[in-house]
Amino acid sequence: MIKNNWITTSLSERTPQNLCDFTLTINSYPFTPDTFKNNSVRVAREICEQNENVYVMYSGGIDSEYVIKVFLDEGLPVTP
């Protein structure tokens, strides 16, 4: 499921024989620009509200480290 339905594809209609052309549709929606940090915190909170247990695959790279740091800084439950 894609939040705000901003992107859709025909991927679920394709068969192993690829009998359906692949389509990608981008649907714009009104949004309020915000900082990367604020959006990261907002999304982390939404993830915790929607899921009982949150696990983050920790590769040791800067991206997974950042995600875990956002959860920890906000006091949100996460298991690396």
C-alpha atoms as a PDB file:
ATOM      1  CA  MET A   1       0.000   0.000   0.000  1.00  0.00           C
ATOM      2  CA  ILE A   2       1.320   3.419  -0.950  1.00  0.00           C
ATOM      3  CA  LYS A   3       0.475   6.356   1.296  1.00  0.00           C
ATOM      4  CA  ASN A   4      -1.759   8.957  -0.398  1.00  0.00           C
ATOM      5  CA  ASN A   5      -1.912   6.636  -3.433  1.00  0.00           C
ATOM      6  CA  TRP A   6       0.724   8.823  -5.079  1.00  0.00           C
ATOM      7  CA  ILE A   7       2.013   6.047  -7.294  1.00  0.00           C
ATOM      8  CA  THR A   8       0.237   3.068  -8.864  1.00  0.00           C
ATOM      9  CA  THR A   9       1.403   0.242 -11.109  1.00  0.00           C
ATOM     10  CA  SER A  10      -0.094  -2.670 -13.007  1.00  0.00           C
ATOM     11  CA  LEU A  11       2.381  -5.034 -11.353  1.00  0.00           C
ATOM     12  CA  SER A  12      -0.318  -7.129  -9.643  1.00  0.00           C
ATOM     13  CA  GLU A  13      -2.013  -7.684 -13.025  1.00  0.00           C
ATOM     14  CA  ARG A  14       1.096  -9.123 -14.641  1.00  0.00           C
ATOM     15  CA  THR A  15       1.494 -12.850 -14.978  1.00  0.00           C
ATOM     16  CA  PRO A  16       4.653 -14.944 -15.022  1.00  0.00           C
ATOM     17  CA  GLN A  17       4.385 -14.801 -18.828  1.00  0.00           C
ATOM     18  CA  ASN A  18       4.233 -10.967 -18.804  1.00  0.00           C
ATOM     19  CA  LEU A  19       0.963 -10.866 -20.742  1.00  0.00           C
ATOM     20  CA  CYS A  20       0.151  -7.380 -19.492  1.00  0.00           C
ATOM     21  CA  ASP A  21       2.152  -4.244 -20.264  1.00  0.00           C
ATOM     22  CA  PHE A  22       3.673  -2.658 -17.203  1.00  0.00           C
ATOM     23  CA  THR A  23       2.264   0.771 -16.409  1.00  0.00           C
ATOM     24  CA  LEU A  24       3.346   3.306 -13.816  1.00  0.00           C
ATOM     25  CA  THR A  25       1.133   6.235 -12.856  1.00  0.00           C
ATOM     26  CA  ILE A  26       2.166   9.108 -10.615  1.00  0.00           C
ATOM     27  CA  ASN A  27      -0.752  10.932  -9.010  1.00  0.00           C
ATOM     28  CA  SER A  28       0.135  14.290  -7.554  1.00  0.00           C
ATOM     29  CA  TYR A  29      -1.504  15.371  -4.315  1.00  0.00           C
ATOM     30  CA  PRO A  30      -1.294  18.498  -2.192  1.00  0.00           C
ATOM     31  CA  PHE A  31       1.426  18.316   0.419  1.00  0.00           C
ATOM     32  CA  THR A  32       3.158  20.663   2.797  1.00  0.00           C
ATOM     33  CA  PRO A  33       6.917  20.929   2.322  1.00  0.00           C
ATOM     34  CA  ASP A  34       8.917  20.277   5.467  1.00  0.00           C
ATOM     35  CA  THR A  35      12.478  19.446   6.471  1.00  0.00           C
ATOM     36  CA  PHE A  36      13.958  15.987   5.999  1.00  0.00           C
ATOM     37  CA  LYS A  37      14.333  15.628   9.777  1.00  0.00           C
ATOM     38  CA  ASN A  38      10.705  16.580  10.504  1.00  0.00           C
ATOM     39  CA  ASN A  39       9.438  14.202   7.834  1.00  0.00           C
ATOM     40  CA  SER A  40      11.656  11.418   9.171  1.00  0.00           C
ATOM     41  CA  VAL A  41      10.214  11.868  12.669  1.00  0.00           C
ATOM     42  CA  ARG A  42       6.651  12.020  11.337  1.00  0.00           C
ATOM     43  CA  VAL A  43       7.065   8.806   9.353  1.00  0.00           C
ATOM     44  CA  ALA A  44       8.748   7.010  12.264  1.00  0.00           C
ATOM     45  CA  ARG A  45       5.811   7.923  14.497  1.00  0.00           C
ATOM     46  CA  GLU A  46       3.300   6.769  11.869  1.00  0.00           C
ATOM     47  CA  ILE A  47       5.138   3.448  11.528  1.00  0.00           C
ATOM     48  CA  CYS A  48       4.986   2.906  15.298  1.00  0.00           C
ATOM     49  CA  GLU A  49       1.280   3.806  15.401  1.00  0.00           C
ATOM     50  CA  GLN A  50       0.495   1.240  12.691  1.00  0.00           C
ATOM     51  CA  ASN A  51       2.732  -1.617  13.864  1.00  0.00           C
ATOM     52  CA  GLU A  52       3.097  -3.397  17.184  1.00  0.00           C
ATOM     53  CA  ASN A  53       6.741  -4.353  16.547  1.00  0.00           C
ATOM     54  CA  VAL A  54       9.165  -2.368  14.393  1.00  0.00           C
ATOM     55  CA  TYR A  55      12.349  -3.964  13.065  1.00  0.00           C
ATOM     56  CA  VAL A  56      15.008  -2.139  11.045  1.00  0.00           C
ATOM     57  CA  MET A  57      17.534  -4.050   8.980  1.00  0.00           C
ATOM     58  CA  TYR A  58      20.844  -2.583  10.141  1.00  0.00           C
ATOM     59  CA  SER A  59      23.505  -2.811   7.461  1.00  0.00           C
ATOM     60  CA  GLY A  60      25.994  -0.557   9.189  1.00  0.00           C
ATOM     61  CA  GLY A  61      25.515   2.080   6.501  1.00  0.00           C
ATOM     62  CA  ILE A  62      24.582   5.690   7.111  1.00  0.00           C
ATOM     63  CA  ASP A  63      20.967   5.256   5.952  1.00  0.00           C
ATOM     64  CA  SER A  64      20.014   2.440   8.336  1.00  0.00           C
ATOM     65  CA  GLU A  65      21.959   4.147  11.120  1.00  0.00           C
ATOM     66  CA  TYR A  66      19.970   7.346  10.535  1.00  0.00           C
ATOM     67  CA  VAL A  67      16.636   5.501  10.634  1.00  0.00           C
ATOM     68  CA  ILE A  68      17.495   3.786  13.921  1.00  0.00           C
ATOM     69  CA  LYS A  69      18.761   7.097  15.360  1.00  0.00           C
ATOM     70  CA  VAL A  70      15.447   8.812  14.549  1.00  0.00           C
ATOM     71  CA  PHE A  71      13.511   6.107  16.390  1.00  0.00           C
ATOM     72  CA  LEU A  72      15.847   6.193  19.399  1.00  0.00           C
ATOM     73  CA  ASP A  73      15.994  10.013  19.574  1.00  0.00           C
ATOM     74  CA  GLU A  74      12.177  10.107  19.620  1.00  0.00           C
ATOM     75  CA  GLY A  75      11.931   7.342  22.230  1.00  0.00           C
ATOM     76  CA  LEU A  76      10.073   5.102  19.783  1.00  0.00           C
ATOM     77  CA  PRO A  77      10.336   1.320  20.144  1.00  0.00           C
ATOM     78  CA  VAL A  78      12.535  -0.279  17.483  1.00  0.00           C
ATOM     79  CA  THR A  79      14.594  -3.431  17.175  1.00  0.00           C
ATOM     80  CA  PRO A  80      17.686  -3.157  14.966  1.00  0.00           C
END
